[in-house]
Amino acid sequence: MEKYKITQVKSTIDRTEDQKRTVRALGFTKLNQSKEVVGTPQIMGMIHKVAHLLKVEKI
C-alpha cells in the first residue's frame, strides 16, 4: 500500500456535519496539522470526500 501525507489546510467551520466527522475521523484536531496514512480504500474514500479541505502528497 502507498503512504500519503495529508495536511488540513482549510477549516471545517460552516461545513456539513458529515464532512466535520470525516476530518475528525482522519485524526485532525487543528488546522495545518499533518498525518501520514496508508492508502487503504477506506482512507482514500475519506480523503476524496473532504479533498477540498486537505493537501495530499504521496510519500
N, C-alpha and C. Protein backbone atom coordinates (compact mmCIF):
# COMPACT_ATOMS: atom_id res chain seq x y z
N MET A 1 0.83 -1.19 0.00
CA MET A 1 0.00 0.00 0.00
C MET A 1 0.88 1.26 0.00
N GLU A 2 0.38 2.26 -0.65
CA GLU A 2 1.12 3.53 -0.70
C GLU A 2 0.85 4.35 0.56
N LYS A 3 1.81 5.18 0.92
CA LYS A 3 1.63 6.07 2.06
C LYS A 3 1.41 7.49 1.55
N TYR A 4 0.59 8.23 2.29
CA TYR A 4 0.28 9.60 1.94
C TYR A 4 0.48 10.50 3.14
N LYS A 5 0.92 11.72 2.87
CA LYS A 5 0.98 12.76 3.90
C LYS A 5 -0.18 13.71 3.61
N ILE A 6 -1.10 13.80 4.56
CA ILE A 6 -2.25 14.69 4.37
C ILE A 6 -2.19 15.81 5.40
N THR A 7 -2.52 17.01 4.96
CA THR A 7 -2.48 18.20 5.80
C THR A 7 -3.81 18.92 5.67
N GLN A 8 -4.40 19.27 6.80
CA GLN A 8 -5.64 20.04 6.77
C GLN A 8 -5.29 21.50 6.52
N VAL A 9 -5.76 22.06 5.40
CA VAL A 9 -5.40 23.43 5.05
C VAL A 9 -6.59 24.39 5.12
N LYS A 10 -7.80 23.85 5.24
CA LYS A 10 -8.98 24.70 5.38
C LYS A 10 -9.79 24.25 6.58
N SER A 11 -10.49 25.19 7.18
CA SER A 11 -11.27 24.94 8.37
C SER A 11 -12.56 24.18 8.07
N THR A 12 -13.07 23.50 9.09
CA THR A 12 -14.35 22.80 8.95
C THR A 12 -15.53 23.68 9.39
N ILE A 13 -15.25 24.91 9.74
CA ILE A 13 -16.32 25.83 10.10
C ILE A 13 -17.21 26.04 8.88
N ASP A 14 -18.50 26.01 9.08
CA ASP A 14 -19.50 26.20 8.03
C ASP A 14 -19.48 25.07 7.00
N ARG A 15 -19.08 23.88 7.41
CA ARG A 15 -19.13 22.67 6.57
C ARG A 15 -20.23 21.77 7.11
N THR A 16 -20.63 20.80 6.31
CA THR A 16 -21.68 19.89 6.76
C THR A 16 -21.14 19.02 7.90
N GLU A 17 -22.04 18.52 8.71
CA GLU A 17 -21.66 17.68 9.85
C GLU A 17 -20.92 16.42 9.39
N ASP A 18 -21.32 15.91 8.23
CA ASP A 18 -20.69 14.72 7.67
C ASP A 18 -19.21 14.99 7.36
N GLN A 19 -18.91 16.14 6.79
CA GLN A 19 -17.53 16.49 6.48
C GLN A 19 -16.73 16.73 7.75
N LYS A 20 -17.33 17.34 8.75
CA LYS A 20 -16.65 17.57 10.02
C LYS A 20 -16.27 16.24 10.66
N ARG A 21 -17.18 15.28 10.63
CA ARG A 21 -16.90 13.97 11.22
C ARG A 21 -15.81 13.23 10.45
N THR A 22 -15.80 13.38 9.13
CA THR A 22 -14.79 12.72 8.32
C THR A 22 -13.40 13.26 8.62
N VAL A 23 -13.27 14.58 8.72
CA VAL A 23 -11.97 15.20 9.05
C VAL A 23 -11.53 14.75 10.44
N ARG A 24 -12.45 14.70 11.37
CA ARG A 24 -12.14 14.26 12.74
C ARG A 24 -11.71 12.79 12.74
N ALA A 25 -12.38 11.96 11.94
CA ALA A 25 -12.04 10.54 11.86
C ALA A 25 -10.66 10.31 11.24
N LEU A 26 -10.22 11.23 10.39
CA LEU A 26 -8.87 11.14 9.83
C LEU A 26 -7.81 11.51 10.86
N GLY A 27 -8.24 12.06 12.01
CA GLY A 27 -7.31 12.35 13.10
C GLY A 27 -6.93 13.79 13.26
N PHE A 28 -7.59 14.69 12.54
CA PHE A 28 -7.24 16.10 12.63
C PHE A 28 -8.00 16.79 13.75
N THR A 29 -7.27 17.58 14.54
CA THR A 29 -7.89 18.38 15.60
C THR A 29 -7.58 19.86 15.43
N LYS A 30 -6.55 20.18 14.63
CA LYS A 30 -6.15 21.57 14.42
C LYS A 30 -5.88 21.83 12.96
N LEU A 31 -5.95 23.08 12.58
CA LEU A 31 -5.63 23.50 11.22
C LEU A 31 -4.12 23.38 11.00
N ASN A 32 -3.71 23.07 9.79
CA ASN A 32 -2.30 22.90 9.39
C ASN A 32 -1.62 21.72 10.07
N GLN A 33 -2.40 20.80 10.59
CA GLN A 33 -1.85 19.59 11.18
C GLN A 33 -1.64 18.56 10.07
N SER A 34 -0.58 17.76 10.17
CA SER A 34 -0.27 16.75 9.15
C SER A 34 -0.31 15.36 9.75
N LYS A 35 -0.67 14.40 8.90
CA LYS A 35 -0.71 12.99 9.29
C LYS A 35 -0.15 12.17 8.14
N GLU A 36 0.48 11.05 8.47
CA GLU A 36 0.89 10.09 7.47
C GLU A 36 -0.04 8.90 7.57
N VAL A 37 -0.66 8.53 6.45
CA VAL A 37 -1.63 7.45 6.44
C VAL A 37 -1.31 6.48 5.32
N VAL A 38 -1.77 5.25 5.50
CA VAL A 38 -1.63 4.22 4.47
C VAL A 38 -2.85 4.31 3.57
N GLY A 39 -2.66 4.20 2.27
CA GLY A 39 -3.73 4.41 1.30
C GLY A 39 -4.66 3.23 1.12
N THR A 40 -5.36 2.83 2.18
CA THR A 40 -6.36 1.78 2.06
C THR A 40 -7.58 2.34 1.34
N PRO A 41 -8.44 1.49 0.79
CA PRO A 41 -9.65 2.00 0.12
C PRO A 41 -10.54 2.85 1.03
N GLN A 42 -10.62 2.49 2.31
CA GLN A 42 -11.45 3.25 3.24
C GLN A 42 -10.88 4.66 3.46
N ILE A 43 -9.58 4.74 3.67
CA ILE A 43 -8.93 6.03 3.89
C ILE A 43 -9.00 6.88 2.64
N MET A 44 -8.78 6.27 1.47
CA MET A 44 -8.82 7.04 0.22
C MET A 44 -10.22 7.59 -0.03
N GLY A 45 -11.25 6.85 0.34
CA GLY A 45 -12.62 7.36 0.22
C GLY A 45 -12.86 8.55 1.12
N MET A 46 -12.31 8.50 2.33
CA MET A 46 -12.45 9.62 3.26
C MET A 46 -11.71 10.84 2.74
N ILE A 47 -10.51 10.62 2.20
CA ILE A 47 -9.73 11.73 1.64
C ILE A 47 -10.46 12.35 0.46
N HIS A 48 -11.03 11.52 -0.39
CA HIS A 48 -11.76 12.02 -1.56
C HIS A 48 -12.97 12.86 -1.14
N LYS A 49 -13.61 12.47 -0.06
CA LYS A 49 -14.82 13.15 0.41
C LYS A 49 -14.52 14.58 0.89
N VAL A 50 -13.36 14.79 1.48
CA VAL A 50 -13.01 16.11 2.02
C VAL A 50 -11.74 16.66 1.38
N ALA A 51 -11.49 16.30 0.12
CA ALA A 51 -10.26 16.70 -0.57
C ALA A 51 -10.12 18.21 -0.68
N HIS A 52 -11.24 18.93 -0.70
CA HIS A 52 -11.19 20.39 -0.82
C HIS A 52 -10.69 21.05 0.47
N LEU A 53 -10.59 20.29 1.56
CA LEU A 53 -10.08 20.82 2.83
C LEU A 53 -8.64 20.38 3.12
N LEU A 54 -8.13 19.47 2.29
CA LEU A 54 -6.83 18.85 2.55
C LEU A 54 -5.83 19.10 1.45
N LYS A 55 -4.55 18.95 1.81
CA LYS A 55 -3.47 18.88 0.83
C LYS A 55 -2.90 17.46 0.94
N VAL A 56 -2.84 16.75 -0.18
CA VAL A 56 -2.42 15.36 -0.17
C VAL A 56 -1.13 15.21 -0.96
N GLU A 57 -0.15 14.54 -0.35
CA GLU A 57 1.14 14.29 -1.00
C GLU A 57 1.47 12.82 -0.87
N LYS A 58 1.97 12.22 -1.97
CA LYS A 58 2.45 10.84 -1.92
C LYS A 58 3.82 10.80 -1.29
N ILE A 59 4.06 9.81 -0.47
CA ILE A 59 5.38 9.66 0.16
C ILE A 59 6.13 8.56 -0.55
